[in-house]
PDB file of N, CA and C in Angstrom:
ATOM      1  N   MET A   1     122.602  91.905  94.588  1.00  0.00           N
ATOM      2  CA  MET A   1     122.035  90.605  94.310  1.00  0.00           C
ATOM      3  C   MET A   1     120.542  90.770  94.008  1.00  0.00           C
ATOM      4  N   GLU A   2     120.107  90.163  92.935  1.00  0.00           N
ATOM      5  CA  GLU A   2     118.696  90.254  92.557  1.00  0.00           C
ATOM      6  C   GLU A   2     117.820  89.482  93.532  1.00  0.00           C
ATOM      7  N   GLN A   3     116.594  89.964  93.666  1.00  0.00           N
ATOM      8  CA  GLN A   3     115.612  89.269  94.478  1.00  0.00           C
ATOM      9  C   GLN A   3     114.279  89.265  93.742  1.00  0.00           C
ATOM     10  N   ILE A   4     113.419  88.362  94.127  1.00  0.00           N
ATOM     11  CA  ILE A   4     112.091  88.298  93.531  1.00  0.00           C
ATOM     12  C   ILE A   4     111.164  89.174  94.355  1.00  0.00           C
ATOM     13  N   VAL A   5     110.464  90.087  93.682  1.00  0.00           N
ATOM     14  CA  VAL A   5     109.505  90.968  94.343  1.00  0.00           C
ATOM     15  C   VAL A   5     108.118  90.720  93.764  1.00  0.00           C
ATOM     16  N   GLU A   6     107.104  91.079  94.529  1.00  0.00           N
ATOM     17  CA  GLU A   6     105.723  90.966  94.072  1.00  0.00           C
ATOM     18  C   GLU A   6     105.276  92.319  93.537  1.00  0.00           C
ATOM     19  N   CYS A   7     104.724  92.332  92.337  1.00  0.00           N
ATOM     20  CA  CYS A   7     104.200  93.554  91.727  1.00  0.00           C
ATOM     21  C   CYS A   7     102.683  93.427  91.609  1.00  0.00           C
ATOM     22  N   PHE A   8     101.961  94.256  92.353  1.00  0.00           N
ATOM     23  CA  PHE A   8     100.501  94.300  92.300  1.00  0.00           C
ATOM     24  C   PHE A   8     100.128  95.295  91.207  1.00  0.00           C
ATOM     25  N   ILE A   9      99.416  94.839  90.180  1.00  0.00           N
ATOM     26  CA  ILE A   9      99.143  95.663  89.002  1.00  0.00           C
ATOM     27  C   ILE A   9      97.772  96.318  89.116  1.00  0.00           C
ATOM     28  N   ALA A  10      97.751  97.648  88.974  1.00  0.00           N
ATOM     29  CA  ALA A  10      96.503  98.410  88.988  1.00  0.00           C
ATOM     30  C   ALA A  10      96.244  98.962  87.592  1.00  0.00           C
ATOM     31  N   GLY A  11      95.083  98.638  87.036  1.00  0.00           N
ATOM     32  CA  GLY A  11      94.687  99.147  85.734  1.00  0.00           C
ATOM     33  C   GLY A  11      95.153  98.272  84.586  1.00  0.00           C
ATOM     34  N   GLY A  12      94.621  98.563  83.414  1.00  0.00           N
ATOM     35  CA  GLY A  12      95.014  97.845  82.207  1.00  0.00           C
ATOM     36  C   GLY A  12      94.462  96.436  82.141  1.00  0.00           C
ATOM     37  N   PRO A  13      94.919  95.674  81.145  1.00  0.00           N
ATOM     38  CA  PRO A  13      94.377  94.329  80.939  1.00  0.00           C
ATOM     39  C   PRO A  13      94.754  93.339  82.042  1.00  0.00           C
ATOM     40  N   GLN A  14      95.757  93.645  82.834  1.00  0.00           N
ATOM     41  CA  GLN A  14      96.176  92.731  83.901  1.00  0.00           C
ATOM     42  C   GLN A  14      95.822  93.255  85.291  1.00  0.00           C
ATOM     43  N   HIS A  15      94.842  94.145  85.355  1.00  0.00           N
ATOM     44  CA  HIS A  15      94.430  94.722  86.640  1.00  0.00           C
ATOM     45  C   HIS A  15      94.098  93.619  87.638  1.00  0.00           C
ATOM     46  N   GLY A  16      94.636  93.752  88.832  1.00  0.00           N
ATOM     47  CA  GLY A  16      94.343  92.806  89.897  1.00  0.00           C
ATOM     48  C   GLY A  16      95.304  91.643  89.998  1.00  0.00           C
ATOM     49  N   LEU A  17      96.187  91.494  89.031  1.00  0.00           N
ATOM     50  CA  LEU A  17      97.130  90.379  89.065  1.00  0.00           C
ATOM     51  C   LEU A  17      98.351  90.733  89.908  1.00  0.00           C
ATOM     52  N   VAL A  18      98.967  89.719  90.452  1.00  0.00           N
ATOM     53  CA  VAL A  18     100.230  89.874  91.165  1.00  0.00           C
ATOM     54  C   VAL A  18     101.283  89.142  90.343  1.00  0.00           C
ATOM     55  N   ARG A  19     102.290  89.886  89.932  1.00  0.00           N
ATOM     56  CA  ARG A  19     103.342  89.309  89.092  1.00  0.00           C
ATOM     57  C   ARG A  19     104.650  89.272  89.873  1.00  0.00           C
ATOM     58  N   LEU A  20     105.330  88.149  89.808  1.00  0.00           N
ATOM     59  CA  LEU A  20     106.654  88.038  90.413  1.00  0.00           C
ATOM     60  C   LEU A  20     107.680  88.565  89.423  1.00  0.00           C
ATOM     61  N   GLN A  21     108.591  89.388  89.906  1.00  0.00           N
ATOM     62  CA  GLN A  21     109.538  90.078  89.034  1.00  0.00           C
ATOM     63  C   GLN A  21     110.917  90.061  89.684  1.00  0.00           C
ATOM     64  N   LEU A  22     111.957  89.865  88.889  1.00  0.00           N
ATOM     65  CA  LEU A  22     113.318  90.010  89.400  1.00  0.00           C
ATOM     66  C   LEU A  22     113.645  91.489  89.532  1.00  0.00           C
ATOM     67  N   TRP A  23     114.297  91.856  90.623  1.00  0.00           N
ATOM     68  CA  TRP A  23     114.666  93.248  90.864  1.00  0.00           C
ATOM     69  C   TRP A  23     115.972  93.286  91.639  1.00  0.00           C
ATOM     70  N   ASP A  24     116.855  94.183  91.253  1.00  0.00           N
ATOM     71  CA  ASP A  24     118.124  94.356  91.951  1.00  0.00           C
ATOM     72  C   ASP A  24     118.017  95.589  92.843  1.00  0.00           C
ATOM     73  N   PRO A  25     117.956  95.421  94.170  1.00  0.00           N
ATOM     74  CA  PRO A  25     117.787  96.568  95.059  1.00  0.00           C
ATOM     75  C   PRO A  25     118.974  97.527  95.056  1.00  0.00           C
ATOM     76  N   GLN A  26     120.118  97.111  94.520  1.00  0.00           N
ATOM     77  CA  GLN A  26     121.260  98.016  94.432  1.00  0.00           C
ATOM     78  C   GLN A  26     121.111  98.991  93.267  1.00  0.00           C
ATOM     79  N   TYR A  27     120.231  98.667  92.319  1.00  0.00           N
ATOM     80  CA  TYR A  27     119.945  99.559  91.197  1.00  0.00           C
ATOM     81  C   TYR A  27     118.901 100.566  91.677  1.00  0.00           C
ATOM     82  N   PRO A  28     119.096 101.860  91.463  1.00  0.00           N
ATOM     83  CA  PRO A  28     118.221 102.855  92.077  1.00  0.00           C
ATOM     84  C   PRO A  28     116.788 102.906  91.534  1.00  0.00           C
ATOM     85  N   ALA A  29     116.530 102.336  90.378  1.00  0.00           N
ATOM     86  CA  ALA A  29     115.185 102.427  89.793  1.00  0.00           C
ATOM     87  C   ALA A  29     114.300 101.275  90.273  1.00  0.00           C
ATOM     88  N   PRO A  30     113.023 101.559  90.547  1.00  0.00           N
ATOM     89  CA  PRO A  30     112.093 100.485  90.907  1.00  0.00           C
ATOM     90  C   PRO A  30     111.752  99.642  89.680  1.00  0.00           C
ATOM     91  N   PRO A  31     111.164  98.465  89.884  1.00  0.00           N
ATOM     92  CA  PRO A  31     110.839  97.613  88.733  1.00  0.00           C
ATOM     93  C   PRO A  31     109.733  98.212  87.871  1.00  0.00           C
ATOM     94  N   VAL A  32     109.744  97.839  86.600  1.00  0.00           N
ATOM     95  CA  VAL A  32     108.668  98.191  85.674  1.00  0.00           C
ATOM     96  C   VAL A  32     108.130  96.894  85.084  1.00  0.00           C
ATOM     97  N   VAL A  33     106.870  96.937  84.652  1.00  0.00           N
ATOM     98  CA  VAL A  33     106.212  95.761  84.093  1.00  0.00           C
ATOM     99  C   VAL A  33     105.599  96.156  82.758  1.00  0.00           C
ATOM    100  N   ALA A  34     105.806  95.358  81.722  1.00  0.00           N
ATOM    101  CA  ALA A  34     105.145  95.576  80.435  1.00  0.00           C
ATOM    102  C   ALA A  34     103.818  94.827  80.460  1.00  0.00           C
ATOM    103  N   SER A  35     102.733  95.532  80.169  1.00  0.00           N
ATOM    104  CA  SER A  35     101.415  94.896  80.184  1.00  0.00           C
ATOM    105  C   SER A  35     101.137  94.219  78.845  1.00  0.00           C
ATOM    106  N   ASN A  36     100.057  93.471  78.792  1.00  0.00           N
ATOM    107  CA  ASN A  36      99.699  92.745  77.565  1.00  0.00           C
ATOM    108  C   ASN A  36      99.408  93.672  76.392  1.00  0.00           C
ATOM    109  N   ASP A  37      99.024  94.915  76.673  1.00  0.00           N
ATOM    110  CA  ASP A  37      98.747  95.848  75.581  1.00  0.00           C
ATOM    111  C   ASP A  37      99.990  96.640  75.168  1.00  0.00           C
ATOM    112  N   GLY A  38     101.162  96.270  75.717  1.00  0.00           N
ATOM    113  CA  GLY A  38     102.414  96.897  75.327  1.00  0.00           C
ATOM    114  C   GLY A  38     102.773  98.149  76.095  1.00  0.00           C
ATOM    115  N   LYS A  39     101.924  98.588  77.004  1.00  0.00           N
ATOM    116  CA  LYS A  39     102.212  99.796  77.776  1.00  0.00           C
ATOM    117  C   LYS A  39     103.039  99.436  79.007  1.00  0.00           C
ATOM    118  N   VAL A  40     103.837 100.398  79.448  1.00  0.00           N
ATOM    119  CA  VAL A  40     104.721 100.176  80.587  1.00  0.00           C
ATOM    120  C   VAL A  40     104.031 100.614  81.873  1.00  0.00           C
ATOM    121  N   CYS A  41     104.004  99.714  82.843  1.00  0.00           N
ATOM    122  CA  CYS A  41     103.447 100.003  84.163  1.00  0.00           C
ATOM    123  C   CYS A  41     104.612 100.346  85.084  1.00  0.00           C
ATOM    124  N   ILE A  42     104.488 101.461  85.806  1.00  0.00           N
ATOM    125  CA  ILE A  42     105.581 101.909  86.665  1.00  0.00           C
ATOM    126  C   ILE A  42     105.203 101.779  88.138  1.00  0.00           C
ATOM    127  N   ALA A  43     106.215 101.617  88.960  1.00  0.00           N
ATOM    128  CA  ALA A  43     105.995 101.475  90.400  1.00  0.00           C
ATOM    129  C   ALA A  43     105.578 102.815  90.998  1.00  0.00           C
ATOM    130  N   ALA A  44     104.544 102.770  91.847  1.00  0.00           N
ATOM    131  CA  ALA A  44     104.063 103.970  92.519  1.00  0.00           C
ATOM    132  C   ALA A  44     104.286 103.901  94.021  1.00  0.00           C
ATOM    133  N   ALA A  45     104.424 102.693  94.555  1.00  0.00           N
ATOM    134  CA  ALA A  45     104.617 102.522  95.997  1.00  0.00           C
ATOM    135  C   ALA A  45     105.375 101.234  96.250  1.00  0.00           C
ATOM    136  N   ARG A  46     106.083 101.216  97.381  1.00  0.00           N
ATOM    137  CA  ARG A  46     106.821 100.021  97.784  1.00  0.00           C
ATOM    138  C   ARG A  46     106.492  99.720  99.237  1.00  0.00           C
ATOM    139  N   LEU A  47     106.299  98.456  99.523  1.00  0.00           N
ATOM    140  CA  LEU A  47     105.979  98.024 100.877  1.00  0.00           C
ATOM    141  C   LEU A  47     106.885  96.858 101.247  1.00  0.00           C
ATOM    142  N   PRO A  48     107.622  96.959 102.354  1.00  0.00           N
ATOM    143  CA  PRO A  48     108.419  95.810 102.785  1.00  0.00           C
ATOM    144  C   PRO A  48     107.511  94.619 103.075  1.00  0.00           C
ATOM    145  N   ALA A  49     107.965  93.443 102.722  1.00  0.00           N
ATOM    146  CA  ALA A  49     107.161  92.232 102.918  1.00  0.00           C
ATOM    147  C   ALA A  49     107.995  91.164 103.602  1.00  0.00           C
ATOM    148  N   GLY A  50     108.602  91.541 104.687  1.00  0.00           N
ATOM    149  CA  GLY A  50     109.462  90.599 105.383  1.00  0.00           C
ATOM    150  C   GLY A  50     110.911  91.017 105.272  1.00  0.00           C
ATOM    151  N   GLN A  51     111.764  90.201 105.813  1.00  0.00           N
ATOM    152  CA  GLN A  51     113.168  90.553 105.922  1.00  0.00           C
ATOM    153  C   GLN A  51     113.857  90.710 104.567  1.00  0.00           C
ATOM    154  N   CYS A  52     113.547  89.863 103.617  1.00  0.00           N
ATOM    155  CA  CYS A  52     114.264  89.879 102.335  1.00  0.00           C
ATOM    156  C   CYS A  52     113.337  90.061 101.144  1.00  0.00           C
ATOM    157  N   SER A  53     112.154  90.568 101.356  1.00  0.00           N
ATOM    158  CA  SER A  53     111.188  90.652 100.264  1.00  0.00           C
ATOM    159  C   SER A  53     110.529  92.024 100.242  1.00  0.00           C
ATOM    160  N   LYS A  54     110.015  92.394  99.087  1.00  0.00           N
ATOM    161  CA  LYS A  54     109.314  93.667  98.927  1.00  0.00           C
ATOM    162  C   LYS A  54     108.120  93.476  98.009  1.00  0.00           C
ATOM    163  N   ARG A  55     107.152  94.366  98.163  1.00  0.00           N
ATOM    164  CA  ARG A  55     105.991  94.397  97.277  1.00  0.00           C
ATOM    165  C   ARG A  55     105.903  95.791  96.672  1.00  0.00           C
ATOM    166  N   PHE A  56     105.518  95.839  95.401  1.00  0.00           N
ATOM    167  CA  PHE A  56     105.363  97.110  94.708  1.00  0.00           C
ATOM    168  C   PHE A  56     103.952  97.217  94.153  1.00  0.00           C
ATOM    169  N   LEU A  57     103.400  98.416  94.199  1.00  0.00           N
ATOM    170  CA  LEU A  57     102.166  98.726  93.489  1.00  0.00           C
ATOM    171  C   LEU A  57     102.598  99.348  92.175  1.00  0.00           C
ATOM    172  N   VAL A  58     102.254  98.709  91.054  1.00  0.00           N
ATOM    173  CA  VAL A  58     102.613  99.249  89.742  1.00  0.00           C
ATOM    174  C   VAL A  58     101.341  99.693  89.025  1.00  0.00           C
ATOM    175  N   LEU A  59     101.437 100.838  88.364  1.00  0.00           N
ATOM    176  CA  LEU A  59     100.275 101.457  87.727  1.00  0.00           C
ATOM    177  C   LEU A  59     100.374 101.412  86.214  1.00  0.00           C
ATOM    178  N   HIS A  60      99.296 100.959  85.600  1.00  0.00           N
ATOM    179  CA  HIS A  60      99.141 101.047  84.150  1.00  0.00           C
ATOM    180  C   HIS A  60      98.836 102.514  83.831  1.00  0.00           C
ATOM    181  N   PRO A  61      99.276 103.040  82.689  1.00  0.00           N
ATOM    182  CA  PRO A  61      99.026 104.449  82.369  1.00  0.00           C
ATOM    183  C   PRO A  61      97.543 104.835  82.361  1.00  0.00           C
ATOM    184  N   GLN A  62      96.656 103.873  82.118  1.00  0.00           N
ATOM    185  CA  GLN A  62      95.227 104.181  82.069  1.00  0.00           C
ATOM    186  C   GLN A  62      94.484 103.729  83.325  1.00  0.00           C
ATOM    187  N   ALA A  63      95.210 103.476  84.403  1.00  0.00           N
ATOM    188  CA  ALA A  63      94.563 103.062  85.650  1.00  0.00           C
ATOM    189  C   ALA A  63      93.683 104.189  86.175  1.00  0.00           C
ATOM    190  N   THR A  64      92.490 103.826  86.621  1.00  0.00           N
ATOM    191  CA  THR A  64      91.575 104.811  87.197  1.00  0.00           C
ATOM    192  C   THR A  64      91.845 104.942  88.693  1.00  0.00           C
ATOM    193  N   GLY A  65      91.341 106.002  89.274  1.00  0.00           N
ATOM    194  CA  GLY A  65      91.475 106.189  90.713  1.00  0.00           C
ATOM    195  C   GLY A  65      90.869 105.038  91.492  1.00  0.00           C
ATOM    196  N   GLN A  66      89.736 104.560  91.032  1.00  0.00           N
ATOM    197  CA  GLN A  66      89.065 103.444  91.700  1.00  0.00           C
ATOM    198  C   GLN A  66      89.931 102.178  91.652  1.00  0.00           C
ATOM    199  N   GLN A  67      90.561 101.909  90.521  1.00  0.00           N
ATOM    200  CA  GLN A  67      91.428 100.735  90.398  1.00  0.00           C
ATOM    201  C   GLN A  67      92.656 100.860  91.306  1.00  0.00           C
ATOM    202  N   ILE A  68      93.213 102.054  91.368  1.00  0.00           N
ATOM    203  CA  ILE A  68      94.386 102.273  92.218  1.00  0.00           C
ATOM    204  C   ILE A  68      94.022 102.066  93.682  1.00  0.00           C
ATOM    205  N   LEU A  69      92.912 102.657  94.118  1.00  0.00           N
ATOM    206  CA  LEU A  69      92.486 102.503  95.512  1.00  0.00           C
ATOM    207  C   LEU A  69      92.179 101.051  95.850  1.00  0.00           C
ATOM    208  N   ALA A  70      91.585 100.321  94.909  1.00  0.00           N
ATOM    209  CA  ALA A  70      91.284  98.905  95.141  1.00  0.00           C
ATOM    210  C   ALA A  70      92.566  98.107  95.345  1.00  0.00           C
ATOM    211  N   MET A  71      93.586  98.398  94.559  1.00  0.00           N
ATOM    212  CA  MET A  71      94.837  97.656  94.699  1.00  0.00           C
ATOM    213  C   MET A  71      95.608  98.078  95.949  1.00  0.00           C
ATOM    214  N   VAL A  72      95.505  99.340  96.349  1.00  0.00           N
ATOM    215  CA  VAL A  72      96.121  99.772  97.608  1.00  0.00           C
ATOM    216  C   VAL A  72      95.479  99.018  98.770  1.00  0.00           C
ATOM    217  N   ALA A  73      94.154  98.895  98.744  1.00  0.00           N
ATOM    218  CA  ALA A  73      93.454  98.156  99.797  1.00  0.00           C
ATOM    219  C   ALA A  73      93.877  96.688  99.800  1.00  0.00           C
ATOM    220  N   ARG A  74      93.997  96.107  98.627  1.00  0.00           N
ATOM    221  CA  ARG A  74      94.418  94.699  98.538  1.00  0.00           C
ATOM    222  C   ARG A  74      95.852  94.529  99.040  1.00  0.00           C
ATOM    223  N   LEU A  75      96.706  95.468  98.696  1.00  0.00           N
ATOM    224  CA  LEU A  75      98.097  95.426  99.142  1.00  0.00           C
ATOM    225  C   LEU A  75      98.172  95.504 100.665  1.00  0.00           C
ATOM    226  N   ARG A  76      97.387  96.393 101.257  1.00  0.00           N
ATOM    227  CA  ARG A  76      97.353  96.516 102.722  1.00  0.00           C
ATOM    228  C   ARG A  76      96.830  95.244 103.370  1.00  0.00           C
ATOM    229  N   THR A  77      95.752  94.699 102.826  1.00  0.00           N
ATOM    230  CA  THR A  77      95.174  93.471 103.364  1.00  0.00           C
ATOM    231  C   THR A  77      96.171  92.327 103.265  1.00  0.00           C
ATOM    232  N   HIS A  78      96.822  92.229 102.127  1.00  0.00           N
ATOM    233  CA  HIS A  78      97.813  91.175 101.915  1.00  0.00           C
ATOM    234  C   HIS A  78      98.966  91.330 102.905  1.00  0.00           C
ATOM    235  N   ALA A  79      99.400  92.572 103.133  1.00  0.00           N
ATOM    236  CA  ALA A  79     100.507  92.827 104.057  1.00  0.00           C
ATOM    237  C   ALA A  79     100.120  92.458 105.484  1.00  0.00           C
ATOM    238  N   MET A  80      98.897  92.784 105.882  1.00  0.00           N
ATOM    239  CA  MET A  80      98.451  92.494 107.244  1.00  0.00           C
ATOM    240  C   MET A  80      98.283  90.999 107.465  1.00  0.00           C
ATOM    241  N   SER A  81      97.891  90.274 106.425  1.00  0.00           N
ATOM    242  CA  SER A  81      97.678  88.836 106.578  1.00  0.00           C
ATOM    243  C   SER A  81      98.985  88.056 106.614  1.00  0.00           C
ATOM    244  N   THR A  82     100.076  88.663 106.145  1.00  0.00           N
ATOM    245  CA  THR A  82     101.356  87.955 106.147  1.00  0.00           C
ATOM    246  C   THR A  82     102.221  88.320 107.340  1.00  0.00           C
ATOM    247  N   VAL A  83     101.778  89.271 108.152  1.00  0.00           N
ATOM    248  CA  VAL A  83     102.532  89.636 109.356  1.00  0.00           C
ATOM    249  C   VAL A  83     102.215  88.626 110.442  1.00  0.00           C
ATOM    250  N   ALA A  84     103.244  88.029 110.987  1.00  0.00           N
ATOM    251  CA  ALA A  84     103.009  87.005 112.016  1.00  0.00           C
ATOM    252  C   ALA A  84     103.546  87.428 113.351  1.00  0.00           C
TER     253      ALA A  84
END
């Protein structure tokens, strides 16, 4: 059964955005996101976000180390703020 996951985008024209994406957890591949410049952003990390939800860090091919680290920090902060 498909579920909606949050994709935190690092790098590219959509750096810093969180995109909601349909994903089927029974399919072995993680979600991918097409950016505005036509390049494919791939999942680099997955973080559980509650009982039925997940968050993914997706990387644009031209993402810099600084952009990746910034989004990892944001992902961690977001995860800590939603834990109750």
